[in-house]
Amino acid sequence: MNKNCIEILGLNYLNIFNNFSIAIENEKFITVSGSNNCGKTTLIRIIDGQVPINNTITLYGRPYESYKVTDISSIIQTIIPLEITAFQNTLEDEMLYQMNETASKSEKNKLIKTIAKQFKITKLLTKTVDNLKNKEKIYFQIALALIKNPKIIVIDDLSPYFNKQELIMITEMLKEYNQNNKTTIIMVTSLLDCNLYSDYSYILDQGKIVLEGNPKEVLERDNILNKAGLNLPFMIDLSVKLKDYDLIKNVELDMDRLVDILWK
């Protein structure tokens, strides 16, 4: 299988992307960060096929245009916060409806219980989508995407809907799912703390990739991140400053460890 599940080469789109290229490695947890209007959501729409682009994007080595729309939607599940259409009455009914028809009823029920517990919607399964609060709807969107067992999950920025602690918790759960199921996850986020859970990070600014690579190393480039309008996580920011003054050798994420190093 191709090392990269998605490749975009030389994309030109409106006034957003100019000769833009990106490669998403298969089965990895990827974060894409940037300030507002940097092209993040447009990139998602292109990746999931909602914006047709000819001859510049491939999915597992094949041009997007060689796939049927239904094929792409079965491979890629996209989560745009609060964009959800339900066909059944309760959340549990909807999850059953969306699942693989070849699975037995007991297998379906077991999977629903597992994912509902993991993403904290067990008590909501008898409710309808219309009766959910915004945060609950997003948790359900995530669960509904996972229940379809796609190869790739793409998630638009959840930052406007959750606080920092909640976002980190969601990211940890998605990372665990990625590791256990080998599902490629592309998570757009304005909270740079979430990048620390990814395998590879991209930083966008004005439709261009200005940084990419190992998340920890990317987050050390505070000057570029500040120019892109992004705020460093506290521990990264502190560590970078201490490193600049030669007080520590490496960026530290654990406060207790950092204190120990400074006191030695």
Protein backbone atom coordinates (compact mmCIF):
# COMPACT_ATOMS: atom_id res chain seq x y z
CA MET A 1 0.00 0.00 0.00
CA ASN A 2 1.08 3.56 -0.71
CA LYS A 3 2.86 5.12 2.29
CA ASN A 4 0.63 8.18 1.98
CA CYS A 5 -3.14 7.83 1.98
CA ILE A 6 -3.69 11.36 0.67
CA GLU A 7 -1.42 13.46 -1.52
CA ILE A 8 -2.07 16.94 -2.88
CA LEU A 9 0.42 18.24 -5.42
CA GLY A 10 0.53 21.78 -6.81
CA LEU A 11 -2.98 22.79 -5.77
CA ASN A 12 -4.28 26.14 -6.99
CA TYR A 13 -7.67 27.14 -5.61
CA LEU A 14 -9.21 30.60 -5.72
CA ASN A 15 -7.01 33.03 -3.80
CA ILE A 16 -6.48 30.56 -0.94
CA PHE A 17 -3.94 28.04 -2.23
CA ASN A 18 -1.17 28.67 -4.74
CA ASN A 19 0.93 25.65 -5.77
CA PHE A 20 0.07 24.00 -2.46
CA SER A 21 1.28 20.47 -1.68
CA ILE A 22 0.77 18.17 1.29
CA ALA A 23 1.12 14.44 1.99
CA ILE A 24 -0.78 12.60 4.73
CA GLU A 25 0.91 9.40 5.89
CA ASN A 26 -1.31 6.36 6.24
CA GLU A 27 -2.46 5.29 9.74
CA LYS A 28 -0.94 8.36 11.43
CA PHE A 29 -2.47 11.00 13.71
CA ILE A 30 -1.95 14.32 11.94
CA THR A 31 -2.66 17.82 13.24
CA VAL A 32 -3.13 20.90 11.06
CA SER A 33 -3.02 24.24 12.85
CA GLY A 34 -3.32 27.87 11.86
CA SER A 35 -5.16 31.06 12.68
CA ASN A 36 -8.55 31.98 11.22
CA ASN A 37 -8.75 32.33 7.43
CA CYS A 38 -5.51 30.41 6.81
CA GLY A 39 -7.27 27.79 4.65
CA LYS A 40 -7.80 24.99 7.20
CA THR A 41 -11.51 24.39 6.58
CA THR A 42 -11.13 24.74 2.81
CA LEU A 43 -8.41 22.11 2.94
CA ILE A 44 -10.81 19.77 4.74
CA ARG A 45 -13.49 20.32 2.09
CA ILE A 46 -10.95 19.46 -0.59
CA ILE A 47 -9.66 16.37 1.24
CA ASP A 48 -13.14 14.88 1.68
CA GLY A 49 -14.09 15.59 -1.93
CA GLN A 50 -16.72 18.30 -1.27
CA VAL A 51 -14.67 20.72 -3.39
CA PRO A 52 -13.87 18.95 -6.69
CA ILE A 53 -10.23 19.40 -7.69
CA ASN A 54 -8.95 17.66 -10.84
CA ASN A 55 -5.54 16.07 -11.31
CA THR A 56 -3.93 17.35 -8.11
CA ILE A 57 -5.17 15.04 -5.34
CA THR A 58 -4.88 11.28 -4.90
CA LEU A 59 -6.39 8.85 -2.41
CA TYR A 60 -4.27 5.73 -1.85
CA GLY A 61 -2.41 6.49 -5.08
CA ARG A 62 -5.53 6.93 -7.24
CA PRO A 63 -6.86 10.27 -8.49
CA TYR A 64 -9.97 11.40 -6.63
CA GLU A 65 -11.88 11.67 -9.89
CA SER A 66 -11.47 7.90 -10.41
CA TYR A 67 -13.59 7.26 -7.29
CA LYS A 68 -17.34 7.42 -6.98
CA VAL A 69 -18.60 9.96 -4.44
CA THR A 70 -20.01 7.11 -2.34
CA ASP A 71 -16.61 5.39 -2.36
CA ILE A 72 -14.87 8.48 -0.98
CA SER A 73 -17.54 8.97 1.70
CA SER A 74 -17.09 5.37 2.86
CA ILE A 75 -13.31 5.81 3.10
CA ILE A 76 -13.27 9.32 4.61
CA GLN A 77 -15.55 10.48 7.40
CA THR A 78 -15.53 14.24 7.99
CA ILE A 79 -16.63 15.95 11.19
CA ILE A 80 -17.62 19.58 10.78
CA PRO A 81 -18.90 20.67 14.20
CA LEU A 82 -22.71 20.81 14.37
CA GLU A 83 -23.14 19.83 10.71
CA ILE A 84 -25.19 16.69 11.23
CA THR A 85 -28.20 15.07 9.58
CA ALA A 86 -30.03 12.27 11.35
CA PHE A 87 -32.38 9.85 9.59
CA GLN A 88 -33.52 7.85 12.61
CA ASN A 89 -35.23 8.70 15.90
CA THR A 90 -32.74 8.10 18.74
CA LEU A 91 -28.95 8.27 18.71
CA GLU A 92 -28.77 4.51 19.15
CA ASP A 93 -31.13 3.96 16.20
CA GLU A 94 -29.00 6.29 14.09
CA MET A 95 -25.79 4.47 14.98
CA LEU A 96 -27.39 1.12 14.11
CA TYR A 97 -28.60 2.58 10.82
CA GLN A 98 -25.14 3.87 9.90
CA MET A 99 -23.25 0.68 10.70
CA ASN A 100 -21.97 -2.01 8.36
CA GLU A 101 -24.93 -4.16 7.34
CA THR A 102 -22.85 -7.36 7.37
CA ALA A 103 -22.28 -7.16 11.15
CA SER A 104 -24.59 -9.15 13.41
CA LYS A 105 -26.97 -7.40 15.80
CA SER A 106 -24.94 -8.47 18.81
CA GLU A 107 -21.74 -7.18 17.18
CA LYS A 108 -23.42 -3.86 16.41
CA ASN A 109 -24.75 -3.46 19.94
CA LYS A 110 -21.36 -4.31 21.44
CA LEU A 111 -19.59 -1.75 19.25
CA ILE A 112 -22.17 0.94 20.01
CA LYS A 113 -21.73 0.39 23.75
CA THR A 114 -17.93 0.52 23.45
CA ILE A 115 -17.80 3.73 21.41
CA ALA A 116 -20.63 5.38 23.36
CA LYS A 117 -18.75 4.75 26.61
CA GLN A 118 -15.45 5.96 25.19
CA PHE A 119 -16.94 9.20 23.89
CA LYS A 120 -19.28 9.78 26.81
CA ILE A 121 -22.67 9.50 25.11
CA THR A 122 -23.99 6.35 26.84
CA LYS A 123 -26.64 8.32 28.72
CA LEU A 124 -27.66 10.09 25.52
CA LEU A 125 -28.41 7.05 23.36
CA THR A 126 -32.18 7.26 23.92
CA LYS A 127 -32.30 10.97 23.02
CA THR A 128 -32.85 12.55 19.61
CA VAL A 129 -30.27 14.80 17.94
CA ASP A 130 -32.58 17.81 18.32
CA ASN A 131 -32.54 17.37 22.10
CA LEU A 132 -28.75 17.49 22.40
CA LYS A 133 -26.63 20.40 23.53
CA ASN A 134 -23.92 21.55 21.13
CA LYS A 135 -21.11 19.71 22.91
CA GLU A 136 -23.21 16.55 23.04
CA LYS A 137 -23.90 16.82 19.31
CA ILE A 138 -20.18 16.97 18.58
CA TYR A 139 -19.45 13.96 20.79
CA PHE A 140 -22.18 12.14 18.87
CA GLN A 141 -20.70 13.24 15.54
CA ILE A 142 -17.37 11.71 16.56
CA ALA A 143 -19.03 8.48 17.72
CA LEU A 144 -21.09 8.30 14.52
CA ALA A 145 -17.98 8.70 12.38
CA LEU A 146 -16.15 5.96 14.26
CA ILE A 147 -19.10 3.57 14.11
CA LYS A 148 -18.75 3.51 10.31
CA ASN A 149 -15.16 2.22 10.63
CA PRO A 150 -13.64 4.51 7.98
CA LYS A 151 -10.01 4.40 6.94
CA ILE A 152 -9.64 8.16 7.40
CA ILE A 153 -11.30 10.61 9.80
CA VAL A 154 -11.03 14.37 9.25
CA ILE A 155 -12.05 16.73 12.05
CA ASP A 156 -12.51 20.48 11.71
CA ASP A 157 -11.51 22.79 14.54
CA LEU A 158 -13.34 22.01 17.81
CA SER A 159 -11.71 24.91 19.68
CA PRO A 160 -14.75 27.24 19.57
CA TYR A 161 -16.91 24.63 21.32
CA PHE A 162 -14.73 23.17 24.08
CA ASN A 163 -12.38 24.48 26.73
CA LYS A 164 -8.70 23.51 26.81
CA GLN A 165 -9.14 20.59 29.20
CA GLU A 166 -12.04 19.16 27.18
CA LEU A 167 -10.11 19.48 23.91
CA ILE A 168 -7.09 17.69 25.30
CA MET A 169 -9.35 14.90 26.61
CA ILE A 170 -10.97 14.49 23.17
CA THR A 171 -7.55 14.48 21.52
CA GLU A 172 -6.31 11.79 23.91
CA MET A 173 -9.35 9.63 23.09
CA LEU A 174 -8.82 10.08 19.35
CA LYS A 175 -5.14 9.26 19.68
CA GLU A 176 -5.99 6.05 21.53
CA TYR A 177 -8.50 5.14 18.80
CA ASN A 178 -5.88 5.86 16.13
CA GLN A 179 -3.36 3.57 17.82
CA ASN A 180 -5.83 0.75 18.43
CA ASN A 181 -7.51 0.79 15.01
CA LYS A 182 -4.79 2.11 12.66
CA THR A 183 -7.23 4.73 11.42
CA THR A 184 -5.68 7.82 9.86
CA ILE A 185 -6.88 10.91 11.73
CA ILE A 186 -6.45 14.46 10.46
CA MET A 187 -7.34 16.92 13.20
CA VAL A 188 -7.53 20.65 12.55
CA THR A 189 -6.97 22.60 15.75
CA SER A 190 -6.20 26.11 16.92
CA LEU A 191 -5.05 24.78 20.31
CA LEU A 192 -1.40 23.90 19.85
CA ASP A 193 -1.43 21.70 22.97
CA CYS A 194 -3.33 19.12 20.86
CA ASN A 195 -0.40 18.90 18.45
CA LEU A 196 1.69 17.20 21.12
CA TYR A 197 -0.49 14.08 20.74
CA SER A 198 0.02 13.83 16.99
CA ASP A 199 2.62 11.95 14.97
CA TYR A 200 3.16 14.84 12.57
CA SER A 201 2.12 18.49 12.57
CA TYR A 202 1.47 21.03 9.85
CA ILE A 203 1.25 24.77 10.51
CA LEU A 204 -0.62 26.83 7.91
CA ASP A 205 -0.42 30.57 7.36
CA GLN A 206 -2.17 32.35 4.50
CA GLY A 207 -2.67 29.13 2.54
CA LYS A 208 0.94 27.98 2.90
CA ILE A 209 2.66 25.36 5.04
CA VAL A 210 5.13 27.41 7.09
CA LEU A 211 6.16 24.57 9.43
CA GLU A 212 5.87 20.80 9.43
CA GLY A 213 7.40 17.82 11.16
CA ASN A 214 7.75 16.34 14.63
CA PRO A 215 5.22 18.22 16.82
CA LYS A 216 7.66 18.99 19.62
CA GLU A 217 10.22 20.39 17.20
CA VAL A 218 7.57 22.36 15.33
CA LEU A 219 6.37 23.98 18.55
CA GLU A 220 9.90 25.13 19.37
CA ARG A 221 9.73 27.54 16.42
CA ASP A 222 8.01 30.21 18.46
CA ASN A 223 8.93 33.07 16.13
CA ILE A 224 7.16 31.48 13.15
CA LEU A 225 4.18 30.38 15.25
CA ASN A 226 3.74 33.89 16.64
CA LYS A 227 3.80 35.33 13.12
CA ALA A 228 1.09 32.83 12.19
CA GLY A 229 -1.06 34.16 15.04
CA LEU A 230 -0.80 31.07 17.24
CA ASN A 231 -0.18 30.92 20.99
CA LEU A 232 2.34 28.42 22.31
CA PRO A 233 1.37 26.00 25.09
CA PHE A 234 2.66 27.33 28.42
CA MET A 235 5.23 24.59 29.01
CA ILE A 236 6.58 24.83 25.47
CA ASP A 237 6.80 28.61 25.67
CA LEU A 238 8.56 28.47 29.04
CA SER A 239 10.95 25.73 27.91
CA VAL A 240 11.88 27.56 24.71
CA LYS A 241 12.73 30.70 26.67
CA LEU A 242 14.80 28.75 29.22
CA LYS A 243 16.55 26.94 26.38
CA ASP A 244 17.38 30.27 24.71
CA TYR A 245 19.16 31.28 27.92
CA ASP A 246 21.00 27.93 28.05
CA LEU A 247 19.28 27.02 31.31
CA ILE A 248 18.03 23.72 29.88
CA LYS A 249 19.14 21.62 26.92
CA ASN A 250 15.81 20.21 25.76
CA VAL A 251 12.18 21.33 25.70
CA GLU A 252 10.38 19.82 28.68
CA LEU A 253 6.65 19.16 28.90
CA ASP A 254 6.54 17.99 32.52
CA MET A 255 6.63 20.80 35.10
CA ASP A 256 8.00 18.60 37.91
CA ARG A 257 10.83 17.37 35.71
CA LEU A 258 11.59 20.92 34.61
CA VAL A 259 11.80 22.08 38.22
CA ASP A 260 14.14 19.21 39.05
CA ILE A 261 16.43 20.12 36.14
CA LEU A 262 16.53 23.80 37.15
CA TRP A 263 17.34 22.97 40.78
CA LYS A 264 20.24 20.66 39.91
